[in-house]
């Protein structure tokens, strides 16, 4: 199991709604988020084959849809770690309520069994 115990992305998770302009143009906010995560995500060797990702989002607004920030995050993780999202066979996602300014994303990548 690969865990990032010390990794806490202290940025509000970026939703799909905020990631795209019109059809397929990244917003500046998405580009900034991508740059931040590519710099912040630690190096590690992703397991071969099928993957199980566990993601926990800390939202200050509980009206936030749990699925909106998943796609941008997965796209950025693929770029950083060199896996293809078709390798993800299990995705566990949870959201938690946090104070405004304390938003975060927590990630665990594990081999799918």
PDB file of N, CA and C in Angstrom:
ATOM      1  N   UNK A   1       0.846  -1.181   0.000  1.00  0.00           N
ATOM      2  CA  UNK A   1       0.000   0.000   0.000  1.00  0.00           C
ATOM      3  C   UNK A   1       0.887   1.238   0.000  1.00  0.00           C
ATOM      4  N   UNK A   2       0.533   2.210  -0.805  1.00  0.00           N
ATOM      5  CA  UNK A   2       1.249   3.482  -0.836  1.00  0.00           C
ATOM      6  C   UNK A   2       0.358   4.504  -0.165  1.00  0.00           C
ATOM      7  N   UNK A   3       0.887   5.142   0.863  1.00  0.00           N
ATOM      8  CA  UNK A   3       0.118   6.119   1.619  1.00  0.00           C
ATOM      9  C   UNK A   3       0.912   7.412   1.689  1.00  0.00           C
ATOM     10  N   UNK A   4       0.228   8.508   1.734  1.00  0.00           N
ATOM     11  CA  UNK A   4       0.868   9.805   1.854  1.00  0.00           C
ATOM     12  C   UNK A   4       0.498  10.396   3.214  1.00  0.00           C
ATOM     13  N   UNK A   5       1.056   9.837   4.300  1.00  0.00           N
ATOM     14  CA  UNK A   5       0.636  10.276   5.635  1.00  0.00           C
ATOM     15  C   UNK A   5       0.923  11.748   5.906  1.00  0.00           C
ATOM     16  N   UNK A   6       1.969  12.294   5.297  1.00  0.00           N
ATOM     17  CA  UNK A   6       2.325  13.685   5.551  1.00  0.00           C
ATOM     18  C   UNK A   6       1.781  14.626   4.482  1.00  0.00           C
ATOM     19  N   UNK A   7       1.098  14.071   3.478  1.00  0.00           N
ATOM     20  CA  UNK A   7       0.600  14.906   2.399  1.00  0.00           C
ATOM     21  C   UNK A   7      -0.797  15.395   2.699  1.00  0.00           C
ATOM     22  N   UNK A   8      -0.927  16.670   2.756  1.00  0.00           N
ATOM     23  CA  UNK A   8      -2.222  17.296   2.937  1.00  0.00           C
ATOM     24  C   UNK A   8      -2.236  18.491   1.997  1.00  0.00           C
ATOM     25  N   UNK A   9      -3.010  18.400   0.930  1.00  0.00           N
ATOM     26  CA  UNK A   9      -3.084  19.486  -0.042  1.00  0.00           C
ATOM     27  C   UNK A   9      -4.026  20.525   0.532  1.00  0.00           C
ATOM     28  N   UNK A  10      -3.478  21.615   0.969  1.00  0.00           N
ATOM     29  CA  UNK A  10      -4.277  22.640   1.637  1.00  0.00           C
ATOM     30  C   UNK A  10      -4.829  23.635   0.622  1.00  0.00           C
ATOM     31  N   UNK A  11      -5.540  23.091  -0.335  1.00  0.00           N
ATOM     32  CA  UNK A  11      -6.210  23.888  -1.353  1.00  0.00           C
ATOM     33  C   UNK A  11      -7.615  23.341  -1.513  1.00  0.00           C
ATOM     34  N   UNK A  12      -8.532  24.218  -1.796  1.00  0.00           N
ATOM     35  CA  UNK A  12      -9.901  23.794  -2.053  1.00  0.00           C
ATOM     36  C   UNK A  12      -9.900  22.866  -3.265  1.00  0.00           C
ATOM     37  N   UNK A  13     -10.526  21.688  -3.185  1.00  0.00           N
ATOM     38  CA  UNK A  13     -10.582  20.797  -4.341  1.00  0.00           C
ATOM     39  C   UNK A  13     -11.241  21.495  -5.531  1.00  0.00           C
ATOM     40  N   UNK A  14     -10.660  21.294  -6.710  1.00  0.00           N
ATOM     41  CA  UNK A  14     -11.176  21.937  -7.917  1.00  0.00           C
ATOM     42  C   UNK A  14     -12.245  21.063  -8.557  1.00  0.00           C
ATOM     43  N   UNK A  15     -13.412  21.627  -8.790  1.00  0.00           N
ATOM     44  CA  UNK A  15     -14.507  20.872  -9.392  1.00  0.00           C
ATOM     45  C   UNK A  15     -14.428  20.917 -10.916  1.00  0.00           C
ATOM     46  N   UNK A  16     -15.091  19.973 -11.551  1.00  0.00           N
ATOM     47  CA  UNK A  16     -15.160  19.937 -13.005  1.00  0.00           C
ATOM     48  C   UNK A  16     -15.792  21.225 -13.525  1.00  0.00           C
ATOM     49  N   UNK A  17     -16.793  21.740 -12.821  1.00  0.00           N
ATOM     50  CA  UNK A  17     -17.461  22.978 -13.245  1.00  0.00           C
ATOM     51  C   UNK A  17     -16.487  24.143 -13.348  1.00  0.00           C
ATOM     52  N   UNK A  18     -15.474  24.167 -12.490  1.00  0.00           N
ATOM     53  CA  UNK A  18     -14.503  25.264 -12.480  1.00  0.00           C
ATOM     54  C   UNK A  18     -13.298  24.974 -13.372  1.00  0.00           C
ATOM     55  N   UNK A  19     -13.188  23.736 -13.860  1.00  0.00           N
ATOM     56  CA  UNK A  19     -12.017  23.320 -14.616  1.00  0.00           C
ATOM     57  C   UNK A  19     -12.074  23.638 -16.110  1.00  0.00           C
ATOM     58  N   UNK A  20     -13.258  23.739 -16.670  1.00  0.00           N
ATOM     59  CA  UNK A  20     -13.386  23.883 -18.122  1.00  0.00           C
ATOM     60  C   UNK A  20     -14.124  25.152 -18.508  1.00  0.00           C
ATOM     61  N   UNK A  21     -13.659  25.770 -19.597  1.00  0.00           N
ATOM     62  CA  UNK A  21     -14.338  26.913 -20.192  1.00  0.00           C
ATOM     63  C   UNK A  21     -15.031  26.375 -21.436  1.00  0.00           C
ATOM     64  N   UNK A  22     -16.304  26.535 -21.522  1.00  0.00           N
ATOM     65  CA  UNK A  22     -16.998  26.018 -22.697  1.00  0.00           C
ATOM     66  C   UNK A  22     -16.797  24.525 -22.809  1.00  0.00           C
ATOM     67  N   UNK A  23     -16.338  24.059 -23.971  1.00  0.00           N
ATOM     68  CA  UNK A  23     -16.220  22.621 -24.186  1.00  0.00           C
ATOM     69  C   UNK A  23     -14.948  22.023 -23.609  1.00  0.00           C
ATOM     70  N   UNK A  24     -13.772  22.418 -24.060  1.00  0.00           N
ATOM     71  CA  UNK A  24     -12.559  21.717 -23.670  1.00  0.00           C
ATOM     72  C   UNK A  24     -11.363  22.631 -23.425  1.00  0.00           C
ATOM     73  N   UNK A  25     -11.580  23.803 -22.908  1.00  0.00           N
ATOM     74  CA  UNK A  25     -10.475  24.698 -22.636  1.00  0.00           C
ATOM     75  C   UNK A  25     -10.288  24.831 -21.136  1.00  0.00           C
ATOM     76  N   UNK A  26      -9.073  24.544 -20.675  1.00  0.00           N
ATOM     77  CA  UNK A  26      -8.798  24.655 -19.240  1.00  0.00           C
ATOM     78  C   UNK A  26      -8.870  26.121 -18.812  1.00  0.00           C
ATOM     79  N   UNK A  27      -9.485  26.348 -17.663  1.00  0.00           N
ATOM     80  CA  UNK A  27      -9.514  27.696 -17.104  1.00  0.00           C
ATOM     81  C   UNK A  27      -8.137  27.996 -16.511  1.00  0.00           C
ATOM     82  N   UNK A  28      -7.877  29.237 -16.228  1.00  0.00           N
ATOM     83  CA  UNK A  28      -6.626  29.603 -15.573  1.00  0.00           C
ATOM     84  C   UNK A  28      -6.571  28.995 -14.173  1.00  0.00           C
ATOM     85  N   UNK A  29      -7.744  28.901 -13.533  1.00  0.00           N
ATOM     86  CA  UNK A  29      -7.813  28.300 -12.201  1.00  0.00           C
ATOM     87  C   UNK A  29      -7.378  26.832 -12.248  1.00  0.00           C
ATOM     88  N   UNK A  30      -7.819  26.102 -13.291  1.00  0.00           N
ATOM     89  CA  UNK A  30      -7.400  24.707 -13.465  1.00  0.00           C
ATOM     90  C   UNK A  30      -5.891  24.639 -13.697  1.00  0.00           C
ATOM     91  N   UNK A  31      -5.367  25.488 -14.579  1.00  0.00           N
ATOM     92  CA  UNK A  31      -3.925  25.487 -14.874  1.00  0.00           C
ATOM     93  C   UNK A  31      -3.112  25.748 -13.615  1.00  0.00           C
ATOM     94  N   UNK A  32      -3.559  26.688 -12.799  1.00  0.00           N
ATOM     95  CA  UNK A  32      -2.869  27.002 -11.538  1.00  0.00           C
ATOM     96  C   UNK A  32      -2.933  25.817 -10.570  1.00  0.00           C
ATOM     97  N   UNK A  33      -4.095  25.175 -10.479  1.00  0.00           N
ATOM     98  CA  UNK A  33      -4.294  24.017  -9.601  1.00  0.00           C
ATOM     99  C   UNK A  33      -3.403  22.864 -10.061  1.00  0.00           C
ATOM    100  N   UNK A  34      -3.371  22.624 -11.366  1.00  0.00           N
ATOM    101  CA  UNK A  34      -2.536  21.564 -11.926  1.00  0.00           C
ATOM    102  C   UNK A  34      -1.058  21.805 -11.616  1.00  0.00           C
ATOM    103  N   UNK A  35      -0.609  23.022 -11.822  1.00  0.00           N
ATOM    104  CA  UNK A  35       0.787  23.366 -11.537  1.00  0.00           C
ATOM    105  C   UNK A  35       1.108  23.148 -10.056  1.00  0.00           C
ATOM    106  N   UNK A  36       0.207  23.575  -9.181  1.00  0.00           N
ATOM    107  CA  UNK A  36       0.398  23.408  -7.739  1.00  0.00           C
ATOM    108  C   UNK A  36       0.504  21.932  -7.363  1.00  0.00           C
ATOM    109  N   UNK A  37      -0.429  21.108  -7.874  1.00  0.00           N
ATOM    110  CA  UNK A  37      -0.420  19.686  -7.528  1.00  0.00           C
ATOM    111  C   UNK A  37       0.774  18.954  -8.130  1.00  0.00           C
ATOM    112  N   UNK A  38       1.146  19.271  -9.350  1.00  0.00           N
ATOM    113  CA  UNK A  38       2.312  18.624  -9.949  1.00  0.00           C
ATOM    114  C   UNK A  38       3.570  18.919  -9.139  1.00  0.00           C
ATOM    115  N   UNK A  39       3.624  20.093  -8.546  1.00  0.00           N
ATOM    116  CA  UNK A  39       4.754  20.464  -7.690  1.00  0.00           C
ATOM    117  C   UNK A  39       4.632  19.842  -6.296  1.00  0.00           C
ATOM    118  N   UNK A  40       3.410  19.720  -5.774  1.00  0.00           N
ATOM    119  CA  UNK A  40       3.153  19.280  -4.398  1.00  0.00           C
ATOM    120  C   UNK A  40       3.135  17.765  -4.227  1.00  0.00           C
ATOM    121  N   UNK A  41       2.560  17.042  -5.187  1.00  0.00           N
ATOM    122  CA  UNK A  41       2.441  15.587  -5.043  1.00  0.00           C
ATOM    123  C   UNK A  41       3.832  14.956  -4.962  1.00  0.00           C
ATOM    124  N   UNK A  42       4.072  14.114  -3.951  1.00  0.00           N
ATOM    125  CA  UNK A  42       5.409  13.525  -3.781  1.00  0.00           C
ATOM    126  C   UNK A  42       5.696  12.455  -4.830  1.00  0.00           C
ATOM    127  N   UNK A  43       6.980  12.203  -5.053  1.00  0.00           N
ATOM    128  CA  UNK A  43       7.374  11.138  -5.972  1.00  0.00           C
ATOM    129  C   UNK A  43       7.091   9.792  -5.310  1.00  0.00           C
ATOM    130  N   UNK A  44       6.684   8.832  -6.105  1.00  0.00           N
ATOM    131  CA  UNK A  44       6.527   7.454  -5.628  1.00  0.00           C
ATOM    132  C   UNK A  44       6.332   6.557  -6.835  1.00  0.00           C
ATOM    133  N   UNK A  45       6.518   5.281  -6.649  1.00  0.00           N
ATOM    134  CA  UNK A  45       6.301   4.306  -7.711  1.00  0.00           C
ATOM    135  C   UNK A  45       4.878   3.771  -7.577  1.00  0.00           C
ATOM    136  N   UNK A  46       4.077   3.981  -8.598  1.00  0.00           N
ATOM    137  CA  UNK A  46       2.698   3.497  -8.606  1.00  0.00           C
ATOM    138  C   UNK A  46       2.705   1.990  -8.843  1.00  0.00           C
ATOM    139  N   UNK A  47       1.894   1.234  -8.108  1.00  0.00           N
ATOM    140  CA  UNK A  47       1.822  -0.211  -8.328  1.00  0.00           C
ATOM    141  C   UNK A  47       1.417  -0.526  -9.779  1.00  0.00           C
ATOM    142  N   UNK A  48       1.918  -1.623 -10.287  1.00  0.00           N
ATOM    143  CA  UNK A  48       1.545  -2.085 -11.631  1.00  0.00           C
ATOM    144  C   UNK A  48       0.124  -2.659 -11.595  1.00  0.00           C
ATOM    145  N   UNK A  49      -0.531  -2.648 -12.729  1.00  0.00           N
ATOM    146  CA  UNK A  49      -1.834  -3.304 -12.853  1.00  0.00           C
ATOM    147  C   UNK A  49      -2.985  -2.511 -12.280  1.00  0.00           C
ATOM    148  N   UNK A  50      -3.943  -3.246 -11.735  1.00  0.00           N
ATOM    149  CA  UNK A  50      -5.174  -2.641 -11.229  1.00  0.00           C
ATOM    150  C   UNK A  50      -4.915  -1.842  -9.952  1.00  0.00           C
ATOM    151  N   UNK A  51      -5.612  -0.700  -9.838  1.00  0.00           N
ATOM    152  CA  UNK A  51      -5.411   0.198  -8.703  1.00  0.00           C
ATOM    153  C   UNK A  51      -6.698   0.430  -7.917  1.00  0.00           C
ATOM    154  N   UNK A  52      -6.513   0.721  -6.639  1.00  0.00           N
ATOM    155  CA  UNK A  52      -7.586   1.166  -5.751  1.00  0.00           C
ATOM    156  C   UNK A  52      -7.158   2.530  -5.223  1.00  0.00           C
ATOM    157  N   UNK A  53      -7.917   3.557  -5.528  1.00  0.00           N
ATOM    158  CA  UNK A  53      -7.639   4.901  -5.026  1.00  0.00           C
ATOM    159  C   UNK A  53      -8.659   5.251  -3.959  1.00  0.00           C
ATOM    160  N   UNK A  54      -8.155   5.813  -2.878  1.00  0.00           N
ATOM    161  CA  UNK A  54      -9.010   6.335  -1.826  1.00  0.00           C
ATOM    162  C   UNK A  54      -8.754   7.829  -1.762  1.00  0.00           C
ATOM    163  N   UNK A  55      -9.818   8.597  -1.876  1.00  0.00           N
ATOM    164  CA  UNK A  55      -9.707  10.060  -1.862  1.00  0.00           C
ATOM    165  C   UNK A  55     -10.660  10.608  -0.807  1.00  0.00           C
ATOM    166  N   UNK A  56     -10.147  11.517  -0.001  1.00  0.00           N
ATOM    167  CA  UNK A  56     -10.977  12.210   0.986  1.00  0.00           C
ATOM    168  C   UNK A  56     -10.864  13.704   0.700  1.00  0.00           C
ATOM    169  N   UNK A  57     -12.014  14.340   0.514  1.00  0.00           N
ATOM    170  CA  UNK A  57     -12.060  15.783   0.281  1.00  0.00           C
ATOM    171  C   UNK A  57     -12.582  16.470   1.534  1.00  0.00           C
ATOM    172  N   UNK A  58     -11.918  17.510   1.951  1.00  0.00           N
ATOM    173  CA  UNK A  58     -12.406  18.356   3.024  1.00  0.00           C
ATOM    174  C   UNK A  58     -13.039  19.586   2.392  1.00  0.00           C
ATOM    175  N   UNK A  59     -14.359  19.688   2.478  1.00  0.00           N
ATOM    176  CA  UNK A  59     -15.114  20.800   1.892  1.00  0.00           C
ATOM    177  C   UNK A  59     -15.622  21.721   2.991  1.00  0.00           C
ATOM    178  N   UNK A  60     -15.549  23.022   2.748  1.00  0.00           N
ATOM    179  CA  UNK A  60     -16.156  23.959   3.687  1.00  0.00           C
ATOM    180  C   UNK A  60     -17.631  24.163   3.348  1.00  0.00           C
ATOM    181  N   UNK A  61     -18.005  23.874   2.117  1.00  0.00           N
ATOM    182  CA  UNK A  61     -19.390  24.010   1.674  1.00  0.00           C
ATOM    183  C   UNK A  61     -19.941  22.610   1.424  1.00  0.00           C
ATOM    184  N   UNK A  62     -20.838  22.145   2.259  1.00  0.00           N
ATOM    185  CA  UNK A  62     -21.367  20.790   2.127  1.00  0.00           C
ATOM    186  C   UNK A  62     -22.306  20.639   0.938  1.00  0.00           C
ATOM    187  N   UNK A  63     -22.613  21.723   0.240  1.00  0.00           N
ATOM    188  CA  UNK A  63     -23.380  21.623  -0.996  1.00  0.00           C
ATOM    189  C   UNK A  63     -22.475  21.211  -2.162  1.00  0.00           C
ATOM    190  N   UNK A  64     -21.158  21.158  -1.921  1.00  0.00           N
ATOM    191  CA  UNK A  64     -20.211  20.741  -2.960  1.00  0.00           C
ATOM    192  C   UNK A  64     -20.480  19.291  -3.343  1.00  0.00           C
ATOM    193  N   UNK A  65     -20.566  19.040  -4.644  1.00  0.00           N
ATOM    194  CA  UNK A  65     -20.763  17.675  -5.128  1.00  0.00           C
ATOM    195  C   UNK A  65     -19.477  16.885  -4.951  1.00  0.00           C
ATOM    196  N   UNK A  66     -19.586  15.691  -4.408  1.00  0.00           N
ATOM    197  CA  UNK A  66     -18.417  14.863  -4.133  1.00  0.00           C
ATOM    198  C   UNK A  66     -17.688  14.453  -5.417  1.00  0.00           C
ATOM    199  N   UNK A  67     -18.397  14.349  -6.528  1.00  0.00           N
ATOM    200  CA  UNK A  67     -17.769  13.876  -7.755  1.00  0.00           C
ATOM    201  C   UNK A  67     -17.099  14.961  -8.591  1.00  0.00           C
ATOM    202  N   UNK A  68     -17.429  16.218  -8.367  1.00  0.00           N
ATOM    203  CA  UNK A  68     -16.886  17.292  -9.210  1.00  0.00           C
ATOM    204  C   UNK A  68     -15.360  17.391  -9.211  1.00  0.00           C
ATOM    205  N   UNK A  69     -14.679  17.293  -8.079  1.00  0.00           N
ATOM    206  CA  UNK A  69     -13.221  17.441  -8.132  1.00  0.00           C
ATOM    207  C   UNK A  69     -12.469  16.168  -8.523  1.00  0.00           C
ATOM    208  N   UNK A  70     -13.178  15.058  -8.736  1.00  0.00           N
ATOM    209  CA  UNK A  70     -12.491  13.795  -9.009  1.00  0.00           C
ATOM    210  C   UNK A  70     -11.756  13.816 -10.348  1.00  0.00           C
ATOM    211  N   UNK A  71     -12.412  14.195 -11.428  1.00  0.00           N
ATOM    212  CA  UNK A  71     -11.810  14.135 -12.765  1.00  0.00           C
ATOM    213  C   UNK A  71     -10.551  14.996 -12.873  1.00  0.00           C
ATOM    214  N   UNK A  72     -10.590  16.263 -12.465  1.00  0.00           N
ATOM    215  CA  UNK A  72      -9.343  17.039 -12.558  1.00  0.00           C
ATOM    216  C   UNK A  72      -8.218  16.419 -11.724  1.00  0.00           C
ATOM    217  N   UNK A  73      -8.551  15.937 -10.526  1.00  0.00           N
ATOM    218  CA  UNK A  73      -7.539  15.331  -9.666  1.00  0.00           C
ATOM    219  C   UNK A  73      -6.942  14.090 -10.322  1.00  0.00           C
ATOM    220  N   UNK A  74      -7.787  13.208 -10.869  1.00  0.00           N
ATOM    221  CA  UNK A  74      -7.282  12.001 -11.523  1.00  0.00           C
ATOM    222  C   UNK A  74      -6.423  12.336 -12.736  1.00  0.00           C
ATOM    223  N   UNK A  75      -6.833  13.314 -13.522  1.00  0.00           N
ATOM    224  CA  UNK A  75      -6.052  13.713 -14.696  1.00  0.00           C
ATOM    225  C   UNK A  75      -4.657  14.202 -14.283  1.00  0.00           C
ATOM    226  N   UNK A  76      -4.599  14.991 -13.228  1.00  0.00           N
ATOM    227  CA  UNK A  76      -3.322  15.516 -12.742  1.00  0.00           C
ATOM    228  C   UNK A  76      -2.470  14.385 -12.165  1.00  0.00           C
ATOM    229  N   UNK A  77      -3.096  13.472 -11.415  1.00  0.00           N
ATOM    230  CA  UNK A  77      -2.357  12.343 -10.845  1.00  0.00           C
ATOM    231  C   UNK A  77      -1.781  11.447 -11.946  1.00  0.00           C
ATOM    232  N   UNK A  78      -2.540  11.241 -13.024  1.00  0.00           N
ATOM    233  CA  UNK A  78      -2.036  10.447 -14.150  1.00  0.00           C
ATOM    234  C   UNK A  78      -0.790  11.080 -14.739  1.00  0.00           C
ATOM    235  N   UNK A  79      -0.839  12.392 -14.880  1.00  0.00           N
ATOM    236  CA  UNK A  79       0.305  13.112 -15.433  1.00  0.00           C
ATOM    237  C   UNK A  79       1.516  12.992 -14.504  1.00  0.00           C
ATOM    238  N   UNK A  80       1.297  13.093 -13.214  1.00  0.00           N
ATOM    239  CA  UNK A  80       2.390  13.056 -12.228  1.00  0.00           C
ATOM    240  C   UNK A  80       2.971  11.655 -12.057  1.00  0.00           C
ATOM    241  N   UNK A  81       2.082  10.641 -12.020  1.00  0.00           N
ATOM    242  CA  UNK A  81       2.522   9.295 -11.670  1.00  0.00           C
ATOM    243  C   UNK A  81       2.585   8.315 -12.838  1.00  0.00           C
ATOM    244  N   UNK A  82       2.155   8.715 -14.016  1.00  0.00           N
ATOM    245  CA  UNK A  82       2.319   7.898 -15.205  1.00  0.00           C
ATOM    246  C   UNK A  82       1.411   6.681 -15.302  1.00  0.00           C
ATOM    247  N   UNK A  83       0.303   6.675 -14.587  1.00  0.00           N
ATOM    248  CA  UNK A  83      -0.653   5.583 -14.751  1.00  0.00           C
ATOM    249  C   UNK A  83      -1.799   6.064 -15.628  1.00  0.00           C
ATOM    250  N   UNK A  84      -2.627   5.120 -16.068  1.00  0.00           N
ATOM    251  CA  UNK A  84      -3.796   5.456 -16.863  1.00  0.00           C
ATOM    252  C   UNK A  84      -5.025   5.217 -15.994  1.00  0.00           C
ATOM    253  N   UNK A  85      -5.977   6.133 -16.016  1.00  0.00           N
ATOM    254  CA  UNK A  85      -7.131   5.974 -15.125  1.00  0.00           C
ATOM    255  C   UNK A  85      -7.970   4.736 -15.435  1.00  0.00           C
ATOM    256  N   UNK A  86      -7.734   4.114 -16.577  1.00  0.00           N
ATOM    257  CA  UNK A  86      -8.432   2.848 -16.845  1.00  0.00           C
ATOM    258  C   UNK A  86      -7.916   1.739 -15.924  1.00  0.00           C
ATOM    259  N   UNK A  87      -6.768   1.954 -15.256  1.00  0.00           N
ATOM    260  CA  UNK A  87      -6.231   0.993 -14.293  1.00  0.00           C
ATOM    261  C   UNK A  87      -6.973   1.049 -12.956  1.00  0.00           C
ATOM    262  N   UNK A  88      -7.770   2.074 -12.745  1.00  0.00           N
ATOM    263  CA  UNK A  88      -8.489   2.223 -11.478  1.00  0.00           C
ATOM    264  C   UNK A  88      -9.728   1.333 -11.502  1.00  0.00           C
ATOM    265  N   UNK A  89      -9.721   0.336 -10.626  1.00  0.00           N
ATOM    266  CA  UNK A  89     -10.827  -0.606 -10.538  1.00  0.00           C
ATOM    267  C   UNK A  89     -11.695  -0.345  -9.315  1.00  0.00           C
ATOM    268  N   UNK A  90     -11.148   0.386  -8.366  1.00  0.00           N
ATOM    269  CA  UNK A  90     -11.939   0.755  -7.193  1.00  0.00           C
ATOM    270  C   UNK A  90     -11.562   2.177  -6.811  1.00  0.00           C
ATOM    271  N   UNK A  91     -12.589   2.961  -6.582  1.00  0.00           N
ATOM    272  CA  UNK A  91     -12.398   4.352  -6.176  1.00  0.00           C
ATOM    273  C   UNK A  91     -13.279   4.580  -4.955  1.00  0.00           C
ATOM    274  N   UNK A  92     -12.642   4.880  -3.844  1.00  0.00           N
ATOM    275  CA  UNK A  92     -13.363   5.151  -2.609  1.00  0.00           C
ATOM    276  C   UNK A  92     -13.239   6.650  -2.356  1.00  0.00           C
ATOM    277  N   UNK A  93     -14.371   7.323  -2.267  1.00  0.00           N
ATOM    278  CA  UNK A  93     -14.364   8.776  -2.107  1.00  0.00           C
ATOM    279  C   UNK A  93     -15.232   9.157  -0.914  1.00  0.00           C
ATOM    280  N   UNK A  94     -14.716  10.071  -0.109  1.00  0.00           N
ATOM    281  CA  UNK A  94     -15.446  10.541   1.072  1.00  0.00           C
ATOM    282  C   UNK A  94     -15.286  12.051   1.156  1.00  0.00           C
ATOM    283  N   UNK A  95     -16.327  12.711   1.663  1.00  0.00           N
ATOM    284  CA  UNK A  95     -16.192  14.142   1.910  1.00  0.00           C
ATOM    285  C   UNK A  95     -16.435  14.414   3.379  1.00  0.00           C
ATOM    286  N   UNK A  96     -15.700  15.397   3.879  1.00  0.00           N
ATOM    287  CA  UNK A  96     -15.830  15.802   5.278  1.00  0.00           C
ATOM    288  C   UNK A  96     -16.022  17.307   5.338  1.00  0.00           C
ATOM    289  N   UNK A  97     -16.710  17.738   6.354  1.00  0.00           N
ATOM    290  CA  UNK A  97     -16.980  19.159   6.584  1.00  0.00           C
ATOM    291  C   UNK A  97     -15.798  19.772   7.313  1.00  0.00           C
ATOM    292  N   UNK A  98     -15.301  20.890   6.772  1.00  0.00           N
ATOM    293  CA  UNK A  98     -14.207  21.632   7.404  1.00  0.00           C
ATOM    294  C   UNK A  98     -14.540  23.119   7.397  1.00  0.00           C
ATOM    295  N   UNK A  99     -13.811  23.886   8.178  1.00  0.00           N
ATOM    296  CA  UNK A  99     -13.989  25.336   8.190  1.00  0.00           C
ATOM    297  C   UNK A  99     -13.460  25.923   6.881  1.00  0.00           C
ATOM    298  N   UNK A 100     -14.050  27.027   6.461  1.00  0.00           N
ATOM    299  CA  UNK A 100     -13.587  27.730   5.266  1.00  0.00           C
ATOM    300  C   UNK A 100     -12.108  28.074   5.455  1.00  0.00           C
ATOM    301  N   UNK A 101     -11.320  27.775   4.458  1.00  0.00           N
ATOM    302  CA  UNK A 101      -9.881  28.003   4.525  1.00  0.00           C
ATOM    303  C   UNK A 101      -9.099  26.754   4.925  1.00  0.00           C
ATOM    304  N   UNK A 102      -9.823  25.716   5.408  1.00  0.00           N
ATOM    305  CA  UNK A 102      -9.172  24.466   5.816  1.00  0.00           C
ATOM    306  C   UNK A 102      -9.427  23.328   4.817  1.00  0.00           C
ATOM    307  N   UNK A 103      -9.843  23.650   3.591  1.00  0.00           N
ATOM    308  CA  UNK A 103     -10.120  22.637   2.579  1.00  0.00           C
ATOM    309  C   UNK A 103      -8.862  21.815   2.297  1.00  0.00           C
ATOM    310  N   UNK A 104      -9.066  20.546   1.938  1.00  0.00           N
ATOM    311  CA  UNK A 104      -7.924  19.675   1.660  1.00  0.00           C
ATOM    312  C   UNK A 104      -8.335  18.506   0.781  1.00  0.00           C
ATOM    313  N   UNK A 105      -7.330  17.784   0.307  1.00  0.00           N
ATOM    314  CA  UNK A 105      -7.512  16.526  -0.411  1.00  0.00           C
ATOM    315  C   UNK A 105      -6.490  15.549   0.144  1.00  0.00           C
ATOM    316  N   UNK A 106      -6.943  14.349   0.499  1.00  0.00           N
ATOM    317  CA  UNK A 106      -6.087  13.286   1.027  1.00  0.00           C
ATOM    318  C   UNK A 106      -6.195  12.095   0.066  1.00  0.00           C
ATOM    319  N   UNK A 107      -5.057  11.478  -0.281  1.00  0.00           N
ATOM    320  CA  UNK A 107      -5.036  10.435  -1.308  1.00  0.00           C
ATOM    321  C   UNK A 107      -4.257   9.216  -0.821  1.00  0.00           C
ATOM    322  N   UNK A 108      -4.787   8.024  -1.122  1.00  0.00           N
ATOM    323  CA  UNK A 108      -4.062   6.771  -0.937  1.00  0.00           C
ATOM    324  C   UNK A 108      -4.174   5.983  -2.233  1.00  0.00           C
ATOM    325  N   UNK A 109      -3.033   5.528  -2.761  1.00  0.00           N
ATOM    326  CA  UNK A 109      -3.009   4.676  -3.953  1.00  0.00           C
ATOM    327  C   UNK A 109      -2.560   3.296  -3.494  1.00  0.00           C
ATOM    328  N   UNK A 110      -3.356   2.296  -3.834  1.00  0.00           N
ATOM    329  CA  UNK A 110      -3.081   0.931  -3.410  1.00  0.00           C
ATOM    330  C   UNK A 110      -3.302  -0.004  -4.590  1.00  0.00           C
ATOM    331  N   UNK A 111      -2.690  -1.144  -4.539  1.00  0.00           N
ATOM    332  CA  UNK A 111      -2.933  -2.172  -5.538  1.00  0.00           C
ATOM    333  C   UNK A 111      -4.329  -2.746  -5.311  1.00  0.00           C
ATOM    334  N   UNK A 112      -5.095  -2.909  -6.368  1.00  0.00           N
ATOM    335  CA  UNK A 112      -6.438  -3.475  -6.264  1.00  0.00           C
ATOM    336  C   UNK A 112      -6.327  -4.988  -6.198  1.00  0.00           C
ATOM    337  N   UNK A 113      -6.980  -5.573  -5.217  1.00  0.00           N
ATOM    338  CA  UNK A 113      -6.927  -7.031  -5.045  1.00  0.00           C
ATOM    339  C   UNK A 113      -8.291  -7.619  -5.315  1.00  0.00           C
TER     340      UNK A 113
END
